[in-house]
Structure formats: C-alpha cells, structure tokens
Protein backbone atom coordinates (compact mmCIF):
# COMPACT_ATOMS: atom_id res chain seq x y z
CA UNK A 1 -91.53 -51.79 109.67
CA UNK A 2 -92.35 -55.04 107.86
CA UNK A 3 -90.20 -55.44 104.70
CA UNK A 4 -92.13 -54.73 101.48
CA UNK A 5 -94.70 -52.62 103.28
CA UNK A 6 -94.48 -48.85 103.65
CA UNK A 7 -94.93 -47.47 107.13
CA UNK A 8 -98.10 -45.40 107.18
CA UNK A 9 -99.52 -43.37 110.01
CA UNK A 10 -102.79 -44.78 111.44
CA UNK A 11 -104.78 -41.81 110.07
CA UNK A 12 -103.33 -41.96 106.55
CA UNK A 13 -105.73 -42.40 103.67
CA UNK A 14 -104.28 -44.51 100.88
CA UNK A 15 -104.68 -43.36 97.30
CA UNK A 16 -107.01 -46.27 96.41
CA UNK A 17 -109.34 -45.35 99.31
CA UNK A 18 -109.41 -41.75 98.11
CA UNK A 19 -110.25 -42.79 94.55
CA UNK A 20 -113.05 -45.07 95.77
CA UNK A 21 -114.72 -42.22 97.65
CA UNK A 22 -114.20 -39.82 94.74
CA UNK A 23 -116.24 -42.05 92.39
CA UNK A 24 -119.44 -41.45 94.38
CA UNK A 25 -121.76 -39.02 92.62
CA UNK A 26 -122.20 -35.68 94.38
CA UNK A 27 -125.66 -34.84 95.71
CA UNK A 28 -127.62 -32.89 93.11
CA UNK A 29 -129.53 -29.90 94.50
CA UNK A 30 -133.03 -29.84 93.00
CA UNK A 31 -133.41 -26.98 90.52
CA UNK A 32 -136.07 -24.45 91.44
CA UNK A 33 -138.39 -23.14 88.76
CA UNK A 34 -137.68 -19.41 88.93
CA UNK A 35 -140.49 -18.53 86.50
CA UNK A 36 -143.01 -18.94 89.33
CA UNK A 37 -141.56 -17.01 92.29
CA UNK A 38 -142.61 -18.35 95.70
CA UNK A 39 -142.10 -16.95 99.18
CA UNK A 40 -138.43 -16.94 100.14
CA UNK A 41 -137.47 -20.00 102.14
CA UNK A 42 -139.92 -22.25 100.30
CA UNK A 43 -138.54 -25.67 99.51
CA UNK A 44 -138.40 -27.40 96.11
CA UNK A 45 -140.39 -30.32 97.54
CA UNK A 46 -143.70 -30.59 99.36
CA UNK A 47 -143.62 -31.45 103.05
CA UNK A 48 -146.06 -34.20 103.97
CA UNK A 49 -148.48 -33.18 106.72
CA UNK A 50 -148.03 -35.28 109.85
CA UNK A 51 -150.83 -37.49 111.10
CA UNK A 52 -152.59 -35.80 114.04
CA UNK A 53 -151.89 -38.41 116.72
CA UNK A 54 -148.30 -38.93 115.57
CA UNK A 55 -147.65 -35.18 115.62
CA UNK A 56 -148.39 -35.03 119.35
CA UNK A 57 -146.18 -38.05 120.08
CA UNK A 58 -143.37 -36.30 118.23
CA UNK A 59 -143.98 -33.01 120.07
CA UNK A 60 -143.88 -34.65 123.50
CA UNK A 61 -140.82 -36.70 122.58
CA UNK A 62 -139.02 -33.49 121.61
CA UNK A 63 -140.19 -31.78 124.82
CA UNK A 64 -138.84 -34.67 126.92
CA UNK A 65 -135.47 -34.48 125.16
CA UNK A 66 -135.33 -30.71 125.70
CA UNK A 67 -136.10 -31.11 129.41
CA UNK A 68 -133.32 -33.72 129.75
CA UNK A 69 -130.89 -31.36 128.05
CA UNK A 70 -131.96 -28.49 130.31
CA UNK A 71 -131.47 -30.66 133.42
CA UNK A 72 -128.05 -31.78 132.16
CA UNK A 73 -127.01 -28.15 131.73
CA UNK A 74 -128.15 -27.27 135.28
CA UNK A 75 -126.00 -30.03 136.82
C-alpha cells in the first residue's frame, strides 16, 4: 500500500461517506386522518385521472412489454 494511506477494500464505505448519507432526511409518510374512516387500501393522496387518449397509449405500451416478456420466457 501507498505510505500514509490505509488499505481499504474496494467495497468499503468510509466514515465520512456514511455521515453524508445519514444527514439526508428520511421520507415522511403522510399522516392519515383517522377521524374519517375510508375504505381500506385508500391512499392519503388523490390519484389524477388519466387523459383518455393517453390512457390507451399507456395500456398498449404495457401490453407490448408484457408480450415481450412472455416471448422471452418461452425462449
């Protein structure tokens, strides 16, 4: 090893790196208002309805991906 430098394994995380990542704020889960019970599985935010034309594009894109996956499995 080079003098004045500790030998570290390639996967080692140095203490300074660890402290940098630790400073990031954790993701806060939105609090649900329990006074108004909703159906189970309801989300704390409203889902925007998709535009009609865009919805079909998305559906067909997903279908194409699924078909590719299915073909890949068959091979």
